[in-house]
Amino acid sequence: GFSGGKDSTCTLQLVWTALAMLPSERRQKPVYVISSDTLVET
């Protein structure tokens, strides 16, 4: 889940970097990044 806030941004960066360090042949599982518009954001 990605909201654009500091916690989800940090989590996404941690996962992204960790997986990028794996050789491409070991990066086969899909990773989906989703966001939910709660209609309260500007």
ModelCIF file with pLDDT and N, C-alpha, C, O atoms, coordinates in Angstrom:
data_MODEL
#
_entry.id   MODEL 
#
_entity.id                         1 
_entity.type                       polymer 
_entity.pdbx_number_of_molecules   1 
#
_entity_poly.entity_id                      1 
_entity_poly.type                           'polypeptide(L)' 
_entity_poly.nstd_linkage                   no 
_entity_poly.nstd_monomer                   no 
_entity_poly.pdbx_seq_one_letter_code       GFSGGKDSTCTLQLVWTALAMLPSERRQKPVYVISSDTLVET 
_entity_poly.pdbx_seq_one_letter_code_can   GFSGGKDSTCTLQLVWTALAMLPSERRQKPVYVISSDTLVET 
_entity_poly.pdbx_strand_id                 A 
#
loop_
_entity_poly_seq.entity_id 
_entity_poly_seq.num 
_entity_poly_seq.mon_id 
_entity_poly_seq.hetero 
1 1  GLY n 
1 2  PHE n 
1 3  SER n 
1 4  GLY n 
1 5  GLY n 
1 6  LYS n 
1 7  ASP n 
1 8  SER n 
1 9  THR n 
1 10 CYS n 
1 11 THR n 
1 12 LEU n 
1 13 GLN n 
1 14 LEU n 
1 15 VAL n 
1 16 TRP n 
1 17 THR n 
1 18 ALA n 
1 19 LEU n 
1 20 ALA n 
1 21 MET n 
1 22 LEU n 
1 23 PRO n 
1 24 SER n 
1 25 GLU n 
1 26 ARG n 
1 27 ARG n 
1 28 GLN n 
1 29 LYS n 
1 30 PRO n 
1 31 VAL n 
1 32 TYR n 
1 33 VAL n 
1 34 ILE n 
1 35 SER n 
1 36 SER n 
1 37 ASP n 
1 38 THR n 
1 39 LEU n 
1 40 VAL n 
1 41 GLU n 
1 42 THR n 
#
_struct_asym.id          A 
_struct_asym.entity_id   1 
#
loop_
_ma_qa_metric.id 
_ma_qa_metric.mode 
_ma_qa_metric.name 
_ma_qa_metric.software_group_id 
_ma_qa_metric.type 
1 global pLDDT . pLDDT 
2 local  pLDDT . pLDDT 
#
_ma_qa_metric_global.metric_id      1 
_ma_qa_metric_global.metric_value   93.48 
_ma_qa_metric_global.model_id       1 
_ma_qa_metric_global.ordinal_id     1 
#
loop_
_ma_qa_metric_local.label_asym_id 
_ma_qa_metric_local.label_comp_id 
_ma_qa_metric_local.label_seq_id 
_ma_qa_metric_local.metric_id 
_ma_qa_metric_local.metric_value 
_ma_qa_metric_local.model_id 
_ma_qa_metric_local.ordinal_id 
A GLY 1  2 95.00 1 1  
A PHE 2  2 93.00 1 2  
A SER 3  2 89.00 1 3  
A GLY 4  2 89.00 1 4  
A GLY 5  2 89.00 1 5  
A LYS 6  2 94.00 1 6  
A ASP 7  2 95.00 1 7  
A SER 8  2 94.00 1 8  
A THR 9  2 94.00 1 9  
A CYS 10 2 96.00 1 10 
A THR 11 2 96.00 1 11 
A LEU 12 2 96.00 1 12 
A GLN 13 2 96.00 1 13 
A LEU 14 2 97.00 1 14 
A VAL 15 2 98.00 1 15 
A TRP 16 2 97.00 1 16 
A THR 17 2 97.00 1 17 
A ALA 18 2 98.00 1 18 
A LEU 19 2 97.00 1 19 
A ALA 20 2 96.00 1 20 
A MET 21 2 97.00 1 21 
A LEU 22 2 97.00 1 22 
A PRO 23 2 96.00 1 23 
A SER 24 2 92.00 1 24 
A GLU 25 2 95.00 1 25 
A ARG 26 2 95.00 1 26 
A ARG 27 2 94.00 1 27 
A GLN 28 2 91.00 1 28 
A LYS 29 2 94.00 1 29 
A PRO 30 2 95.00 1 30 
A VAL 31 2 96.00 1 31 
A TYR 32 2 96.00 1 32 
A VAL 33 2 95.00 1 33 
A ILE 34 2 93.00 1 34 
A SER 35 2 92.00 1 35 
A SER 36 2 88.00 1 36 
A ASP 37 2 84.00 1 37 
A THR 38 2 86.00 1 38 
A LEU 39 2 87.00 1 39 
A VAL 40 2 90.00 1 40 
A GLU 41 2 87.00 1 41 
A THR 42 2 90.00 1 42 
#
loop_
_atom_site.group_PDB 
_atom_site.id 
_atom_site.type_symbol 
_atom_site.label_atom_id 
_atom_site.label_alt_id 
_atom_site.label_comp_id 
_atom_site.label_asym_id 
_atom_site.label_entity_id 
_atom_site.label_seq_id 
_atom_site.pdbx_PDB_ins_code 
_atom_site.Cartn_x 
_atom_site.Cartn_y 
_atom_site.Cartn_z 
_atom_site.occupancy 
_atom_site.B_iso_or_equiv 
_atom_site.pdbx_formal_charge 
_atom_site.auth_seq_id 
_atom_site.auth_comp_id 
_atom_site.auth_asym_id 
_atom_site.auth_atom_id 
_atom_site.pdbx_PDB_model_num 
ATOM 1   N N  . GLY A 1 1  ? 0.836   -1.187  0.000   1.00 95.00 ? 1  GLY A N  1 
ATOM 2   C CA . GLY A 1 1  ? 0.000   0.000   0.000   1.00 95.00 ? 1  GLY A CA 1 
ATOM 3   C C  . GLY A 1 1  ? 0.874   1.240   0.000   1.00 95.00 ? 1  GLY A C  1 
ATOM 4   O O  . GLY A 1 1  ? 1.857   1.313   0.737   1.00 95.00 ? 1  GLY A O  1 
ATOM 5   N N  . PHE A 1 2  ? 0.517   2.218   -0.826  1.00 93.00 ? 2  PHE A N  1 
ATOM 6   C CA . PHE A 1 2  ? 1.300   3.446   -0.936  1.00 93.00 ? 2  PHE A CA 1 
ATOM 7   C C  . PHE A 1 2  ? 0.374   4.641   -0.827  1.00 93.00 ? 2  PHE A C  1 
ATOM 8   O O  . PHE A 1 2  ? -0.556  4.799   -1.618  1.00 93.00 ? 2  PHE A O  1 
ATOM 9   N N  . SER A 1 3  ? 0.644   5.495   0.178   1.00 89.00 ? 3  SER A N  1 
ATOM 10  C CA . SER A 1 3  ? -0.164  6.694   0.377   1.00 89.00 ? 3  SER A CA 1 
ATOM 11  C C  . SER A 1 3  ? 0.593   7.962   0.008   1.00 89.00 ? 3  SER A C  1 
ATOM 12  O O  . SER A 1 3  ? -0.003  9.033   -0.105  1.00 89.00 ? 3  SER A O  1 
ATOM 13  N N  . GLY A 1 4  ? 1.898   7.843   -0.181  1.00 89.00 ? 4  GLY A N  1 
ATOM 14  C CA . GLY A 1 4  ? 2.726   9.009   -0.439  1.00 89.00 ? 4  GLY A CA 1 
ATOM 15  C C  . GLY A 1 4  ? 3.307   9.610   0.832   1.00 89.00 ? 4  GLY A C  1 
ATOM 16  O O  . GLY A 1 4  ? 4.116   10.536  0.769   1.00 89.00 ? 4  GLY A O  1 
ATOM 17  N N  . GLY A 1 5  ? 2.900   9.088   1.982   1.00 89.00 ? 5  GLY A N  1 
ATOM 18  C CA . GLY A 1 5  ? 3.427   9.567   3.254   1.00 89.00 ? 5  GLY A CA 1 
ATOM 19  C C  . GLY A 1 5  ? 4.784   8.961   3.562   1.00 89.00 ? 5  GLY A C  1 
ATOM 20  O O  . GLY A 1 5  ? 5.291   8.120   2.819   1.00 89.00 ? 5  GLY A O  1 
ATOM 21  N N  . LYS A 1 6  ? 5.357   9.397   4.658   1.00 94.00 ? 6  LYS A N  1 
ATOM 22  C CA . LYS A 1 6  ? 6.723   8.971   4.990   1.00 94.00 ? 6  LYS A CA 1 
ATOM 23  C C  . LYS A 1 6  ? 6.821   7.479   5.267   1.00 94.00 ? 6  LYS A C  1 
ATOM 24  O O  . LYS A 1 6  ? 7.804   6.851   4.872   1.00 94.00 ? 6  LYS A O  1 
ATOM 25  N N  . ASP A 1 7  ? 5.830   6.891   5.937   1.00 95.00 ? 7  ASP A N  1 
ATOM 26  C CA . ASP A 1 7  ? 5.922   5.471   6.282   1.00 95.00 ? 7  ASP A CA 1 
ATOM 27  C C  . ASP A 1 7  ? 5.815   4.573   5.052   1.00 95.00 ? 7  ASP A C  1 
ATOM 28  O O  . ASP A 1 7  ? 6.621   3.659   4.879   1.00 95.00 ? 7  ASP A O  1 
ATOM 29  N N  . SER A 1 8  ? 4.819   4.832   4.196   1.00 94.00 ? 8  SER A N  1 
ATOM 30  C CA . SER A 1 8  ? 4.675   3.980   3.013   1.00 94.00 ? 8  SER A CA 1 
ATOM 31  C C  . SER A 1 8  ? 5.797   4.234   2.016   1.00 94.00 ? 8  SER A C  1 
ATOM 32  O O  . SER A 1 8  ? 6.208   3.314   1.309   1.00 94.00 ? 8  SER A O  1 
ATOM 33  N N  . THR A 1 9  ? 6.298   5.456   1.946   1.00 94.00 ? 9  THR A N  1 
ATOM 34  C CA . THR A 1 9  ? 7.421   5.753   1.064   1.00 94.00 ? 9  THR A CA 1 
ATOM 35  C C  . THR A 1 9  ? 8.675   5.017   1.525   1.00 94.00 ? 9  THR A C  1 
ATOM 36  O O  . THR A 1 9  ? 9.404   4.452   0.709   1.00 94.00 ? 9  THR A O  1 
ATOM 37  N N  . CYS A 1 10 ? 8.921   5.024   2.825   1.00 96.00 ? 10 CYS A N  1 
ATOM 38  C CA . CYS A 1 10 ? 10.083  4.333   3.382   1.00 96.00 ? 10 CYS A CA 1 
ATOM 39  C C  . CYS A 1 10 ? 9.971   2.817   3.151   1.00 96.00 ? 10 CYS A C  1 
ATOM 40  O O  . CYS A 1 10 ? 10.944  2.167   2.768   1.00 96.00 ? 10 CYS A O  1 
ATOM 41  N N  . THR A 1 11 ? 8.791   2.273   3.386   1.00 96.00 ? 11 THR A N  1 
ATOM 42  C CA . THR A 1 11 ? 8.578   0.835   3.180   1.00 96.00 ? 11 THR A CA 1 
ATOM 43  C C  . THR A 1 11 ? 8.798   0.453   1.725   1.00 96.00 ? 11 THR A C  1 
ATOM 44  O O  . THR A 1 11 ? 9.482   -0.526  1.427   1.00 96.00 ? 11 THR A O  1 
ATOM 45  N N  . LEU A 1 12 ? 8.215   1.229   0.823   1.00 96.00 ? 12 LEU A N  1 
ATOM 46  C CA . LEU A 1 12 ? 8.376   0.955   -0.605  1.00 96.00 ? 12 LEU A CA 1 
ATOM 47  C C  . LEU A 1 12 ? 9.841   1.045   -1.007  1.00 96.00 ? 12 LEU A C  1 
ATOM 48  O O  . LEU A 1 12 ? 10.323  0.196   -1.757  1.00 96.00 ? 12 LEU A O  1 
ATOM 49  N N  . GLN A 1 13 ? 10.554  2.048   -0.530  1.00 96.00 ? 13 GLN A N  1 
ATOM 50  C CA . GLN A 1 13 ? 11.972  2.194   -0.884  1.00 96.00 ? 13 GLN A CA 1 
ATOM 51  C C  . GLN A 1 13 ? 12.800  1.028   -0.346  1.00 96.00 ? 13 GLN A C  1 
ATOM 52  O O  . GLN A 1 13 ? 13.699  0.534   -1.027  1.00 96.00 ? 13 GLN A O  1 
ATOM 53  N N  . LEU A 1 14 ? 12.499  0.595   0.862   1.00 97.00 ? 14 LEU A N  1 
ATOM 54  C CA . LEU A 1 14 ? 13.205  -0.539  1.458   1.00 97.00 ? 14 LEU A CA 1 
ATOM 55  C C  . LEU A 1 14 ? 13.000  -1.795  0.624   1.00 97.00 ? 14 LEU A C  1 
ATOM 56  O O  . LEU A 1 14 ? 13.961  -2.490  0.296   1.00 97.00 ? 14 LEU A O  1 
ATOM 57  N N  . VAL A 1 15 ? 11.756  -2.087  0.282   1.00 98.00 ? 15 VAL A N  1 
ATOM 58  C CA . VAL A 1 15 ? 11.450  -3.281  -0.511  1.00 98.00 ? 15 VAL A CA 1 
ATOM 59  C C  . VAL A 1 15 ? 12.059  -3.161  -1.908  1.00 98.00 ? 15 VAL A C  1 
ATOM 60  O O  . VAL A 1 15 ? 12.669  -4.105  -2.409  1.00 98.00 ? 15 VAL A O  1 
ATOM 61  N N  . TRP A 1 16 ? 11.890  -2.004  -2.527  1.00 97.00 ? 16 TRP A N  1 
ATOM 62  C CA . TRP A 1 16 ? 12.415  -1.791  -3.889  1.00 97.00 ? 16 TRP A CA 1 
ATOM 63  C C  . TRP A 1 16 ? 13.921  -2.042  -3.924  1.00 97.00 ? 16 TRP A C  1 
ATOM 64  O O  . TRP A 1 16 ? 14.413  -2.779  -4.779  1.00 97.00 ? 16 TRP A O  1 
ATOM 65  N N  . THR A 1 17 ? 14.640  -1.435  -3.005  1.00 97.00 ? 17 THR A N  1 
ATOM 66  C CA . THR A 1 17 ? 16.096  -1.559  -2.979  1.00 97.00 ? 17 THR A CA 1 
ATOM 67  C C  . THR A 1 17 ? 16.524  -2.995  -2.703  1.00 97.00 ? 17 THR A C  1 
ATOM 68  O O  . THR A 1 17 ? 17.435  -3.509  -3.351  1.00 97.00 ? 17 THR A O  1 
ATOM 69  N N  . ALA A 1 18 ? 15.870  -3.639  -1.745  1.00 98.00 ? 18 ALA A N  1 
ATOM 70  C CA . ALA A 1 18 ? 16.219  -5.027  -1.415  1.00 98.00 ? 18 ALA A CA 1 
ATOM 71  C C  . ALA A 1 18 ? 16.018  -5.935  -2.619  1.00 98.00 ? 18 ALA A C  1 
ATOM 72  O O  . ALA A 1 18 ? 16.868  -6.775  -2.916  1.00 98.00 ? 18 ALA A O  1 
ATOM 73  N N  . LEU A 1 19 ? 14.893  -5.769  -3.315  1.00 97.00 ? 19 LEU A N  1 
ATOM 74  C CA . LEU A 1 19 ? 14.622  -6.635  -4.468  1.00 97.00 ? 19 LEU A CA 1 
ATOM 75  C C  . LEU A 1 19 ? 15.513  -6.292  -5.648  1.00 97.00 ? 19 LEU A C  1 
ATOM 76  O O  . LEU A 1 19 ? 15.886  -7.178  -6.417  1.00 97.00 ? 19 LEU A O  1 
ATOM 77  N N  . ALA A 1 20 ? 15.857  -5.032  -5.803  1.00 96.00 ? 20 ALA A N  1 
ATOM 78  C CA . ALA A 1 20 ? 16.754  -4.632  -6.893  1.00 96.00 ? 20 ALA A CA 1 
ATOM 79  C C  . ALA A 1 20 ? 18.143  -5.241  -6.724  1.00 96.00 ? 20 ALA A C  1 
ATOM 80  O O  . ALA A 1 20 ? 18.874  -5.407  -7.700  1.00 96.00 ? 20 ALA A O  1 
ATOM 81  N N  . MET A 1 21 ? 18.498  -5.566  -5.505  1.00 97.00 ? 21 MET A N  1 
ATOM 82  C CA . MET A 1 21 ? 19.807  -6.170  -5.234  1.00 97.00 ? 21 MET A CA 1 
ATOM 83  C C  . MET A 1 21 ? 19.848  -7.649  -5.649  1.00 97.00 ? 21 MET A C  1 
ATOM 84  O O  . MET A 1 21 ? 20.928  -8.222  -5.796  1.00 97.00 ? 21 MET A O  1 
ATOM 85  N N  . LEU A 1 22 ? 18.677  -8.261  -5.835  1.00 97.00 ? 22 LEU A N  1 
ATOM 86  C CA . LEU A 1 22 ? 18.634  -9.658  -6.268  1.00 97.00 ? 22 LEU A CA 1 
ATOM 87  C C  . LEU A 1 22 ? 18.911  -9.734  -7.760  1.00 97.00 ? 22 LEU A C  1 
ATOM 88  O O  . LEU A 1 22 ? 18.541  -8.822  -8.499  1.00 97.00 ? 22 LEU A O  1 
ATOM 89  N N  . PRO A 1 23 ? 19.551  -10.795 -8.217  1.00 96.00 ? 23 PRO A N  1 
ATOM 90  C CA . PRO A 1 23 ? 19.704  -10.992 -9.664  1.00 96.00 ? 23 PRO A CA 1 
ATOM 91  C C  . PRO A 1 23 ? 18.325  -11.098 -10.312 1.00 96.00 ? 23 PRO A C  1 
ATOM 92  O O  . PRO A 1 23 ? 17.382  -11.593 -9.694  1.00 96.00 ? 23 PRO A O  1 
ATOM 93  N N  . SER A 1 24 ? 18.210  -10.639 -11.541 1.00 92.00 ? 24 SER A N  1 
ATOM 94  C CA . SER A 1 24 ? 16.902  -10.594 -12.209 1.00 92.00 ? 24 SER A CA 1 
ATOM 95  C C  . SER A 1 24 ? 16.217  -11.960 -12.260 1.00 92.00 ? 24 SER A C  1 
ATOM 96  O O  . SER A 1 24 ? 14.990  -12.031 -12.189 1.00 92.00 ? 24 SER A O  1 
ATOM 97  N N  . GLU A 1 25 ? 16.971  -13.022 -12.378 1.00 95.00 ? 25 GLU A N  1 
ATOM 98  C CA . GLU A 1 25 ? 16.347  -14.347 -12.442 1.00 95.00 ? 25 GLU A CA 1 
ATOM 99  C C  . GLU A 1 25 ? 15.688  -14.742 -11.117 1.00 95.00 ? 25 GLU A C  1 
ATOM 100 O O  . GLU A 1 25 ? 14.862  -15.655 -11.089 1.00 95.00 ? 25 GLU A O  1 
ATOM 101 N N  . ARG A 1 26 ? 16.038  -14.074 -10.037 1.00 95.00 ? 26 ARG A N  1 
ATOM 102 C CA . ARG A 1 26 ? 15.423  -14.363 -8.731  1.00 95.00 ? 26 ARG A CA 1 
ATOM 103 C C  . ARG A 1 26 ? 14.279  -13.396 -8.419  1.00 95.00 ? 26 ARG A C  1 
ATOM 104 O O  . ARG A 1 26 ? 13.633  -13.519 -7.378  1.00 95.00 ? 26 ARG A O  1 
ATOM 105 N N  . ARG A 1 27 ? 14.026  -12.439 -9.311  1.00 94.00 ? 27 ARG A N  1 
ATOM 106 C CA . ARG A 1 27 ? 12.930  -11.481 -9.130  1.00 94.00 ? 27 ARG A CA 1 
ATOM 107 C C  . ARG A 1 27 ? 11.772  -11.866 -10.037 1.00 94.00 ? 27 ARG A C  1 
ATOM 108 O O  . ARG A 1 27 ? 11.486  -11.178 -11.017 1.00 94.00 ? 27 ARG A O  1 
ATOM 109 N N  . GLN A 1 28 ? 11.117  -12.950 -9.711  1.00 91.00 ? 28 GLN A N  1 
ATOM 110 C CA . GLN A 1 28 ? 10.044  -13.451 -10.569 1.00 91.00 ? 28 GLN A CA 1 
ATOM 111 C C  . GLN A 1 28 ? 8.649   -13.235 -9.990  1.00 91.00 ? 28 GLN A C  1 
ATOM 112 O O  . GLN A 1 28 ? 7.665   -13.241 -10.730 1.00 91.00 ? 28 GLN A O  1 
ATOM 113 N N  . LYS A 1 29 ? 8.556   -13.048 -8.702  1.00 94.00 ? 29 LYS A N  1 
ATOM 114 C CA . LYS A 1 29 ? 7.250   -12.888 -8.059  1.00 94.00 ? 29 LYS A CA 1 
ATOM 115 C C  . LYS A 1 29 ? 6.734   -11.465 -8.286  1.00 94.00 ? 29 LYS A C  1 
ATOM 116 O O  . LYS A 1 29 ? 7.487   -10.502 -8.142  1.00 94.00 ? 29 LYS A O  1 
ATOM 117 N N  . PRO A 1 30 ? 5.449   -11.330 -8.641  1.00 95.00 ? 30 PRO A N  1 
ATOM 118 C CA . PRO A 1 30 ? 4.914   -9.981  -8.843  1.00 95.00 ? 30 PRO A CA 1 
ATOM 119 C C  . PRO A 1 30 ? 4.821   -9.203  -7.527  1.00 95.00 ? 30 PRO A C  1 
ATOM 120 O O  . PRO A 1 30 ? 4.527   -9.758  -6.468  1.00 95.00 ? 30 PRO A O  1 
ATOM 121 N N  . VAL A 1 31 ? 5.079   -7.917  -7.634  1.00 96.00 ? 31 VAL A N  1 
ATOM 122 C CA . VAL A 1 31 ? 4.908   -6.993  -6.516  1.00 96.00 ? 31 VAL A CA 1 
ATOM 123 C C  . VAL A 1 31 ? 4.006   -5.873  -7.034  1.00 96.00 ? 31 VAL A C  1 
ATOM 124 O O  . VAL A 1 31 ? 4.338   -5.192  -8.004  1.00 96.00 ? 31 VAL A O  1 
ATOM 125 N N  . TYR A 1 32 ? 2.875   -5.697  -6.382  1.00 96.00 ? 32 TYR A N  1 
ATOM 126 C CA . TYR A 1 32 ? 1.924   -4.669  -6.780  1.00 96.00 ? 32 TYR A CA 1 
ATOM 127 C C  . TYR A 1 32 ? 1.978   -3.524  -5.784  1.00 96.00 ? 32 TYR A C  1 
ATOM 128 O O  . TYR A 1 32 ? 1.961   -3.747  -4.573  1.00 96.00 ? 32 TYR A O  1 
ATOM 129 N N  . VAL A 1 33 ? 2.042   -2.301  -6.289  1.00 95.00 ? 33 VAL A N  1 
ATOM 130 C CA . VAL A 1 33 ? 1.992   -1.113  -5.448  1.00 95.00 ? 33 VAL A CA 1 
ATOM 131 C C  . VAL A 1 33 ? 0.644   -0.458  -5.708  1.00 95.00 ? 33 VAL A C  1 
ATOM 132 O O  . VAL A 1 33 ? 0.343   -0.047  -6.828  1.00 95.00 ? 33 VAL A O  1 
ATOM 133 N N  . ILE A 1 34 ? -0.159  -0.366  -4.661  1.00 93.00 ? 34 ILE A N  1 
ATOM 134 C CA . ILE A 1 34 ? -1.505  0.166   -4.825  1.00 93.00 ? 34 ILE A CA 1 
ATOM 135 C C  . ILE A 1 34 ? -1.713  1.379   -3.926  1.00 93.00 ? 34 ILE A C  1 
ATOM 136 O O  . ILE A 1 34 ? -1.027  1.569   -2.922  1.00 93.00 ? 34 ILE A O  1 
ATOM 137 N N  . SER A 1 35 ? -2.674  2.178   -4.321  1.00 92.00 ? 35 SER A N  1 
ATOM 138 C CA . SER A 1 35 ? -3.060  3.341   -3.529  1.00 92.00 ? 35 SER A CA 1 
ATOM 139 C C  . SER A 1 35 ? -4.575  3.440   -3.579  1.00 92.00 ? 35 SER A C  1 
ATOM 140 O O  . SER A 1 35 ? -5.203  3.076   -4.573  1.00 92.00 ? 35 SER A O  1 
ATOM 141 N N  . SER A 1 36 ? -5.143  3.929   -2.511  1.00 88.00 ? 36 SER A N  1 
ATOM 142 C CA . SER A 1 36 ? -6.595  4.060   -2.426  1.00 88.00 ? 36 SER A CA 1 
ATOM 143 C C  . SER A 1 36 ? -6.952  5.526   -2.234  1.00 88.00 ? 36 SER A C  1 
ATOM 144 O O  . SER A 1 36 ? -6.515  6.160   -1.273  1.00 88.00 ? 36 SER A O  1 
ATOM 145 N N  . ASP A 1 37 ? -7.738  6.054   -3.143  1.00 84.00 ? 37 ASP A N  1 
ATOM 146 C CA . ASP A 1 37 ? -8.181  7.438   -3.022  1.00 84.00 ? 37 ASP A CA 1 
ATOM 147 C C  . ASP A 1 37 ? -9.377  7.474   -2.082  1.00 84.00 ? 37 ASP A C  1 
ATOM 148 O O  . ASP A 1 37 ? -10.458 6.994   -2.426  1.00 84.00 ? 37 ASP A O  1 
ATOM 149 N N  . THR A 1 38 ? -9.185  8.038   -0.907  1.00 86.00 ? 38 THR A N  1 
ATOM 150 C CA . THR A 1 38 ? -10.251 8.095   0.106   1.00 86.00 ? 38 THR A CA 1 
ATOM 151 C C  . THR A 1 38 ? -11.152 9.311   -0.082  1.00 86.00 ? 38 THR A C  1 
ATOM 152 O O  . THR A 1 38 ? -12.092 9.527   0.684   1.00 86.00 ? 38 THR A O  1 
ATOM 153 N N  . LEU A 1 39 ? -10.854 10.096  -1.105  1.00 87.00 ? 39 LEU A N  1 
ATOM 154 C CA . LEU A 1 39 ? -11.634 11.292  -1.442  1.00 87.00 ? 39 LEU A CA 1 
ATOM 155 C C  . LEU A 1 39 ? -11.530 12.399  -0.404  1.00 87.00 ? 39 LEU A C  1 
ATOM 156 O O  . LEU A 1 39 ? -12.334 13.331  -0.415  1.00 87.00 ? 39 LEU A O  1 
ATOM 157 N N  . VAL A 1 40 ? -10.550 12.312  0.494   1.00 90.00 ? 40 VAL A N  1 
ATOM 158 C CA . VAL A 1 40 ? -10.336 13.392  1.442   1.00 90.00 ? 40 VAL A CA 1 
ATOM 159 C C  . VAL A 1 40 ? -9.047  14.158  1.148   1.00 90.00 ? 40 VAL A C  1 
ATOM 160 O O  . VAL A 1 40 ? -8.813  15.221  1.724   1.00 90.00 ? 40 VAL A O  1 
ATOM 161 N N  . GLU A 1 41 ? -8.202  13.623  0.248   1.00 87.00 ? 41 GLU A N  1 
ATOM 162 C CA . GLU A 1 41 ? -6.964  14.296  -0.094  1.00 87.00 ? 41 GLU A CA 1 
ATOM 163 C C  . GLU A 1 41 ? -7.241  15.456  -1.052  1.00 87.00 ? 41 GLU A C  1 
ATOM 164 O O  . GLU A 1 41 ? -8.203  15.435  -1.821  1.00 87.00 ? 41 GLU A O  1 
ATOM 165 N N  . THR A 1 42 ? -6.381  16.456  -0.985  1.00 90.00 ? 42 THR A N  1 
ATOM 166 C CA . THR A 1 42 ? -6.510  17.577  -1.908  1.00 90.00 ? 42 THR A CA 1 
ATOM 167 C C  . THR A 1 42 ? -6.094  17.134  -3.304  1.00 90.00 ? 42 THR A C  1 
ATOM 168 O O  . THR A 1 42 ? -6.129  17.932  -4.241  1.00 90.00 ? 42 THR A O  1 
#
